[in-house]
Amino acid sequence: MTQKRLRDVIEIINHALPWAGSVQQAFAWYRSQPLPSFGDLTAEDLVKEGRAEDVKAYLNRIGAGGYA
């Protein structure tokens, strides 16, 4: 895993942490929750495709009260 990808993963996990409840739950969400906005790919799938910024924007949208 490249350092940039690792930084992206940490940033995404930290962003999900407040509503996930724990690091373990946030990581479980990252690895296994299908995201309908992205054709049911997981956040992990998207980061592997180089689309971490899309995941971050998605989380920002959700955090601001937007829709998935």
PDB file of N, CA and C in Angstrom:
ATOM      1  N   MET A   1       0.857  -1.182   0.000  1.00  0.00           N
ATOM      2  CA  MET A   1       0.000   0.000   0.000  1.00  0.00           C
ATOM      3  C   MET A   1       0.897   1.238   0.000  1.00  0.00           C
ATOM      4  N   THR A   2       0.599   2.154  -0.888  1.00  0.00           N
ATOM      5  CA  THR A   2       1.397   3.363  -0.937  1.00  0.00           C
ATOM      6  C   THR A   2       1.097   4.247   0.262  1.00  0.00           C
ATOM      7  N   GLN A   3       2.015   5.164   0.557  1.00  0.00           N
ATOM      8  CA  GLN A   3       1.792   6.062   1.691  1.00  0.00           C
ATOM      9  C   GLN A   3       0.573   6.942   1.465  1.00  0.00           C
ATOM     10  N   LYS A   4       0.358   7.400   0.235  1.00  0.00           N
ATOM     11  CA  LYS A   4      -0.809   8.243  -0.044  1.00  0.00           C
ATOM     12  C   LYS A   4      -2.087   7.465   0.217  1.00  0.00           C
ATOM     13  N   ARG A   5      -2.145   6.233  -0.246  1.00  0.00           N
ATOM     14  CA  ARG A   5      -3.339   5.425  -0.030  1.00  0.00           C
ATOM     15  C   ARG A   5      -3.563   5.194   1.467  1.00  0.00           C
ATOM     16  N   LEU A   6      -2.485   4.942   2.187  1.00  0.00           N
ATOM     17  CA  LEU A   6      -2.599   4.741   3.629  1.00  0.00           C
ATOM     18  C   LEU A   6      -3.123   6.009   4.311  1.00  0.00           C
ATOM     19  N   ARG A   7      -2.610   7.162   3.911  1.00  0.00           N
ATOM     20  CA  ARG A   7      -3.112   8.431   4.467  1.00  0.00           C
ATOM     21  C   ARG A   7      -4.594   8.604   4.148  1.00  0.00           C
ATOM     22  N   ASP A   8      -4.984   8.262   2.923  1.00  0.00           N
ATOM     23  CA  ASP A   8      -6.399   8.355   2.532  1.00  0.00           C
ATOM     24  C   ASP A   8      -7.263   7.447   3.396  1.00  0.00           C
ATOM     25  N   VAL A   9      -6.818   6.222   3.609  1.00  0.00           N
ATOM     26  CA  VAL A   9      -7.575   5.268   4.423  1.00  0.00           C
ATOM     27  C   VAL A   9      -7.746   5.813   5.840  1.00  0.00           C
ATOM     28  N   ILE A  10      -6.669   6.309   6.422  1.00  0.00           N
ATOM     29  CA  ILE A  10      -6.736   6.850   7.781  1.00  0.00           C
ATOM     30  C   ILE A  10      -7.691   8.032   7.841  1.00  0.00           C
ATOM     31  N   GLU A  11      -7.612   8.915   6.854  1.00  0.00           N
ATOM     32  CA  GLU A  11      -8.504  10.073   6.826  1.00  0.00           C
ATOM     33  C   GLU A  11      -9.971   9.644   6.722  1.00  0.00           C
ATOM     34  N   ILE A  12     -10.243   8.671   5.874  1.00  0.00           N
ATOM     35  CA  ILE A  12     -11.615   8.184   5.698  1.00  0.00           C
ATOM     36  C   ILE A  12     -12.115   7.502   6.974  1.00  0.00           C
ATOM     37  N   ILE A  13     -11.289   6.672   7.580  1.00  0.00           N
ATOM     38  CA  ILE A  13     -11.669   5.999   8.833  1.00  0.00           C
ATOM     39  C   ILE A  13     -11.958   7.041   9.916  1.00  0.00           C
ATOM     40  N   ASN A  14     -11.093   8.040  10.032  1.00  0.00           N
ATOM     41  CA  ASN A  14     -11.301   9.093  11.035  1.00  0.00           C
ATOM     42  C   ASN A  14     -12.585   9.874  10.777  1.00  0.00           C
ATOM     43  N   HIS A  15     -12.916  10.053   9.508  1.00  0.00           N
ATOM     44  CA  HIS A  15     -14.142  10.781   9.158  1.00  0.00           C
ATOM     45  C   HIS A  15     -15.379   9.959   9.534  1.00  0.00           C
ATOM     46  N   ALA A  16     -15.291   8.649   9.384  1.00  0.00           N
ATOM     47  CA  ALA A  16     -16.420   7.765   9.692  1.00  0.00           C
ATOM     48  C   ALA A  16     -16.531   7.461  11.183  1.00  0.00           C
ATOM     49  N   LEU A  17     -15.474   7.654  11.924  1.00  0.00           N
ATOM     50  CA  LEU A  17     -15.412   7.271  13.333  1.00  0.00           C
ATOM     51  C   LEU A  17     -16.530   7.851  14.201  1.00  0.00           C
ATOM     52  N   PRO A  18     -16.875   9.135  14.097  1.00  0.00           N
ATOM     53  CA  PRO A  18     -17.916   9.661  14.995  1.00  0.00           C
ATOM     54  C   PRO A  18     -19.256   8.933  14.898  1.00  0.00           C
ATOM     55  N   TRP A  19     -19.673   8.549  13.714  1.00  0.00           N
ATOM     56  CA  TRP A  19     -20.957   7.865  13.602  1.00  0.00           C
ATOM     57  C   TRP A  19     -20.822   6.348  13.607  1.00  0.00           C
ATOM     58  N   ALA A  20     -19.607   5.841  13.391  1.00  0.00           N
ATOM     59  CA  ALA A  20     -19.414   4.386  13.424  1.00  0.00           C
ATOM     60  C   ALA A  20     -19.305   3.881  14.865  1.00  0.00           C
ATOM     61  N   GLY A  21     -18.787   4.712  15.756  1.00  0.00           N
ATOM     62  CA  GLY A  21     -18.718   4.347  17.163  1.00  0.00           C
ATOM     63  C   GLY A  21     -17.381   3.820  17.640  1.00  0.00           C
ATOM     64  N   SER A  22     -16.612   3.208  16.756  1.00  0.00           N
ATOM     65  CA  SER A  22     -15.293   2.696  17.126  1.00  0.00           C
ATOM     66  C   SER A  22     -14.455   2.558  15.861  1.00  0.00           C
ATOM     67  N   VAL A  23     -13.158   2.462  16.070  1.00  0.00           N
ATOM     68  CA  VAL A  23     -12.261   2.274  14.927  1.00  0.00           C
ATOM     69  C   VAL A  23     -12.610   0.969  14.207  1.00  0.00           C
ATOM     70  N   GLN A  24     -12.900  -0.072  14.984  1.00  0.00           N
ATOM     71  CA  GLN A  24     -13.220  -1.365  14.382  1.00  0.00           C
ATOM     72  C   GLN A  24     -14.475  -1.264  13.500  1.00  0.00           C
ATOM     73  N   GLN A  25     -15.495  -0.580  14.007  1.00  0.00           N
ATOM     74  CA  GLN A  25     -16.735  -0.430  13.231  1.00  0.00           C
ATOM     75  C   GLN A  25     -16.514   0.444  11.994  1.00  0.00           C
ATOM     76  N   ALA A  26     -15.722   1.494  12.146  1.00  0.00           N
ATOM     77  CA  ALA A  26     -15.423   2.363  10.997  1.00  0.00           C
ATOM     78  C   ALA A  26     -14.674   1.571   9.925  1.00  0.00           C
ATOM     79  N   PHE A  27     -13.737   0.730  10.360  1.00  0.00           N
ATOM     80  CA  PHE A  27     -12.988  -0.081   9.397  1.00  0.00           C
ATOM     81  C   PHE A  27     -13.890  -1.128   8.752  1.00  0.00           C
ATOM     82  N   ALA A  28     -14.798  -1.693   9.534  1.00  0.00           N
ATOM     83  CA  ALA A  28     -15.749  -2.659   8.966  1.00  0.00           C
ATOM     84  C   ALA A  28     -16.613  -1.975   7.913  1.00  0.00           C
ATOM     85  N   TRP A  29     -17.073  -0.750   8.188  1.00  0.00           N
ATOM     86  CA  TRP A  29     -17.849   0.009   7.203  1.00  0.00           C
ATOM     87  C   TRP A  29     -17.007   0.224   5.945  1.00  0.00           C
ATOM     88  N   TYR A  30     -15.780   0.669   6.125  1.00  0.00           N
ATOM     89  CA  TYR A  30     -14.864   0.949   5.009  1.00  0.00           C
ATOM     90  C   TYR A  30     -14.691  -0.277   4.112  1.00  0.00           C
ATOM     91  N   ARG A  31     -14.565  -1.431   4.729  1.00  0.00           N
ATOM     92  CA  ARG A  31     -14.279  -2.648   3.972  1.00  0.00           C
ATOM     93  C   ARG A  31     -15.505  -3.324   3.377  1.00  0.00           C
ATOM     94  N   SER A  32     -16.690  -3.153   3.992  1.00  0.00           N
ATOM     95  CA  SER A  32     -17.788  -4.023   3.578  1.00  0.00           C
ATOM     96  C   SER A  32     -19.103  -3.345   3.225  1.00  0.00           C
ATOM     97  N   GLN A  33     -19.272  -2.065   3.533  1.00  0.00           N
ATOM     98  CA  GLN A  33     -20.561  -1.425   3.260  1.00  0.00           C
ATOM     99  C   GLN A  33     -20.658  -0.979   1.803  1.00  0.00           C
ATOM    100  N   PRO A  34     -21.582  -1.559   1.034  1.00  0.00           N
ATOM    101  CA  PRO A  34     -21.755  -1.115  -0.351  1.00  0.00           C
ATOM    102  C   PRO A  34     -22.316   0.310  -0.371  1.00  0.00           C
ATOM    103  N   LEU A  35     -21.765   1.131  -1.237  1.00  0.00           N
ATOM    104  CA  LEU A  35     -22.212   2.518  -1.363  1.00  0.00           C
ATOM    105  C   LEU A  35     -23.036   2.651  -2.643  1.00  0.00           C
ATOM    106  N   PRO A  36     -24.356   2.801  -2.507  1.00  0.00           N
ATOM    107  CA  PRO A  36     -25.225   2.858  -3.685  1.00  0.00           C
ATOM    108  C   PRO A  36     -24.832   3.950  -4.679  1.00  0.00           C
ATOM    109  N   SER A  37     -24.317   5.059  -4.174  1.00  0.00           N
ATOM    110  CA  SER A  37     -23.916   6.162  -5.058  1.00  0.00           C
ATOM    111  C   SER A  37     -22.788   5.772  -6.008  1.00  0.00           C
ATOM    112  N   PHE A  38     -22.097   4.701  -5.673  1.00  0.00           N
ATOM    113  CA  PHE A  38     -20.950   4.256  -6.463  1.00  0.00           C
ATOM    114  C   PHE A  38     -21.150   2.836  -6.992  1.00  0.00           C
ATOM    115  N   GLY A  39     -22.369   2.518  -7.366  1.00  0.00           N
ATOM    116  CA  GLY A  39     -22.647   1.202  -7.927  1.00  0.00           C
ATOM    117  C   GLY A  39     -22.398   0.071  -6.958  1.00  0.00           C
ATOM    118  N   ASP A  40     -22.619   0.346  -5.665  1.00  0.00           N
ATOM    119  CA  ASP A  40     -22.431  -0.635  -4.589  1.00  0.00           C
ATOM    120  C   ASP A  40     -20.986  -1.056  -4.357  1.00  0.00           C
ATOM    121  N   LEU A  41     -20.041  -0.276  -4.854  1.00  0.00           N
ATOM    122  CA  LEU A  41     -18.645  -0.510  -4.477  1.00  0.00           C
ATOM    123  C   LEU A  41     -18.475  -0.059  -3.032  1.00  0.00           C
ATOM    124  N   THR A  42     -17.513  -0.634  -2.344  1.00  0.00           N
ATOM    125  CA  THR A  42     -17.217  -0.199  -0.979  1.00  0.00           C
ATOM    126  C   THR A  42     -16.213   0.953  -1.034  1.00  0.00           C
ATOM    127  N   ALA A  43     -16.051   1.629   0.099  1.00  0.00           N
ATOM    128  CA  ALA A  43     -15.035   2.674   0.178  1.00  0.00           C
ATOM    129  C   ALA A  43     -13.664   2.080  -0.135  1.00  0.00           C
ATOM    130  N   GLU A  44     -13.416   0.886   0.345  1.00  0.00           N
ATOM    131  CA  GLU A  44     -12.139   0.219   0.071  1.00  0.00           C
ATOM    132  C   GLU A  44     -11.942   0.016  -1.432  1.00  0.00           C
ATOM    133  N   ASP A  45     -12.980  -0.448  -2.120  1.00  0.00           N
ATOM    134  CA  ASP A  45     -12.887  -0.637  -3.572  1.00  0.00           C
ATOM    135  C   ASP A  45     -12.524   0.669  -4.266  1.00  0.00           C
ATOM    136  N   LEU A  46     -13.197   1.732  -3.850  1.00  0.00           N
ATOM    137  CA  LEU A  46     -12.971   3.035  -4.479  1.00  0.00           C
ATOM    138  C   LEU A  46     -11.562   3.544  -4.228  1.00  0.00           C
ATOM    139  N   VAL A  47     -11.063   3.385  -3.015  1.00  0.00           N
ATOM    140  CA  VAL A  47      -9.695   3.821  -2.715  1.00  0.00           C
ATOM    141  C   VAL A  47      -8.706   3.023  -3.556  1.00  0.00           C
ATOM    142  N   LYS A  48      -8.945   1.728  -3.694  1.00  0.00           N
ATOM    143  CA  LYS A  48      -8.060   0.891  -4.519  1.00  0.00           C
ATOM    144  C   LYS A  48      -8.062   1.334  -5.974  1.00  0.00           C
ATOM    145  N   GLU A  49      -9.180   1.917  -6.424  1.00  0.00           N
ATOM    146  CA  GLU A  49      -9.280   2.430  -7.797  1.00  0.00           C
ATOM    147  C   GLU A  49      -8.722   3.849  -7.922  1.00  0.00           C
ATOM    148  N   GLY A  50      -8.198   4.384  -6.834  1.00  0.00           N
ATOM    149  CA  GLY A  50      -7.657   5.732  -6.866  1.00  0.00           C
ATOM    150  C   GLY A  50      -8.716   6.814  -6.707  1.00  0.00           C
ATOM    151  N   ARG A  51      -9.854   6.447  -6.132  1.00  0.00           N
ATOM    152  CA  ARG A  51     -10.979   7.383  -6.004  1.00  0.00           C
ATOM    153  C   ARG A  51     -11.238   7.794  -4.554  1.00  0.00           C
ATOM    154  N   ALA A  52     -10.181   7.920  -3.775  1.00  0.00           N
ATOM    155  CA  ALA A  52     -10.321   8.309  -2.369  1.00  0.00           C
ATOM    156  C   ALA A  52     -10.994   9.668  -2.240  1.00  0.00           C
ATOM    157  N   GLU A  53     -10.702  10.586  -3.141  1.00  0.00           N
ATOM    158  CA  GLU A  53     -11.313  11.916  -3.059  1.00  0.00           C
ATOM    159  C   GLU A  53     -12.830  11.829  -3.229  1.00  0.00           C
ATOM    160  N   ASP A  54     -13.295  10.882  -4.031  1.00  0.00           N
ATOM    161  CA  ASP A  54     -14.742  10.680  -4.187  1.00  0.00           C
ATOM    162  C   ASP A  54     -15.369  10.217  -2.873  1.00  0.00           C
ATOM    163  N   VAL A  55     -14.676   9.328  -2.171  1.00  0.00           N
ATOM    164  CA  VAL A  55     -15.181   8.837  -0.880  1.00  0.00           C
ATOM    165  C   VAL A  55     -15.213   9.982   0.130  1.00  0.00           C
ATOM    166  N   LYS A  56     -14.163  10.786   0.150  1.00  0.00           N
ATOM    167  CA  LYS A  56     -14.114  11.916   1.087  1.00  0.00           C
ATOM    168  C   LYS A  56     -15.244  12.899   0.786  1.00  0.00           C
ATOM    169  N   ALA A  57     -15.476  13.186  -0.485  1.00  0.00           N
ATOM    170  CA  ALA A  57     -16.562  14.100  -0.860  1.00  0.00           C
ATOM    171  C   ALA A  57     -17.908  13.513  -0.450  1.00  0.00           C
ATOM    172  N   TYR A  58     -18.074  12.221  -0.638  1.00  0.00           N
ATOM    173  CA  TYR A  58     -19.302  11.533  -0.235  1.00  0.00           C
ATOM    174  C   TYR A  58     -19.527  11.684   1.267  1.00  0.00           C
ATOM    175  N   LEU A  59     -18.486  11.438   2.061  1.00  0.00           N
ATOM    176  CA  LEU A  59     -18.605  11.556   3.512  1.00  0.00           C
ATOM    177  C   LEU A  59     -18.891  12.996   3.938  1.00  0.00           C
ATOM    178  N   ASN A  60     -18.294  13.947   3.250  1.00  0.00           N
ATOM    179  CA  ASN A  60     -18.574  15.355   3.555  1.00  0.00           C
ATOM    180  C   ASN A  60     -20.029  15.693   3.255  1.00  0.00           C
ATOM    181  N   ARG A  61     -20.539  15.162   2.161  1.00  0.00           N
ATOM    182  CA  ARG A  61     -21.934  15.388   1.771  1.00  0.00           C
ATOM    183  C   ARG A  61     -22.882  14.800   2.816  1.00  0.00           C
ATOM    184  N   ILE A  62     -22.599  13.588   3.247  1.00  0.00           N
ATOM    185  CA  ILE A  62     -23.420  12.924   4.251  1.00  0.00           C
ATOM    186  C   ILE A  62     -23.339  13.704   5.575  1.00  0.00           C
ATOM    187  N   GLY A  63     -22.129  14.105   5.938  1.00  0.00           N
ATOM    188  CA  GLY A  63     -21.928  14.843   7.171  1.00  0.00           C
ATOM    189  C   GLY A  63     -22.652  16.172   7.204  1.00  0.00           C
ATOM    190  N   ALA A  64     -22.853  16.747   6.027  1.00  0.00           N
ATOM    191  CA  ALA A  64     -23.547  18.033   5.926  1.00  0.00           C
ATOM    192  C   ALA A  64     -25.065  17.857   5.812  1.00  0.00           C
ATOM    193  N   GLY A  65     -25.518  16.609   5.945  1.00  0.00           N
ATOM    194  CA  GLY A  65     -26.961  16.341   5.896  1.00  0.00           C
ATOM    195  C   GLY A  65     -27.467  16.020   4.501  1.00  0.00           C
ATOM    196  N   GLY A  66     -26.564  15.784   3.580  1.00  0.00           N
ATOM    197  CA  GLY A  66     -26.978  15.436   2.213  1.00  0.00           C
ATOM    198  C   GLY A  66     -27.359  13.976   2.109  1.00  0.00           C
ATOM    199  N   TYR A  67     -27.719  13.610   0.920  1.00  0.00           N
ATOM    200  CA  TYR A  67     -28.135  12.226   0.657  1.00  0.00           C
ATOM    201  C   TYR A  67     -26.982  11.433   0.089  1.00  0.00           C
ATOM    202  N   ALA A  68     -27.045  10.120   0.307  1.00  0.00           N
ATOM    203  CA  ALA A  68     -26.044   9.220  -0.226  1.00  0.00           C
ATOM    204  C   ALA A  68     -26.228   9.136  -1.718  1.00  0.00           C
TER     205      ALA A  68
END
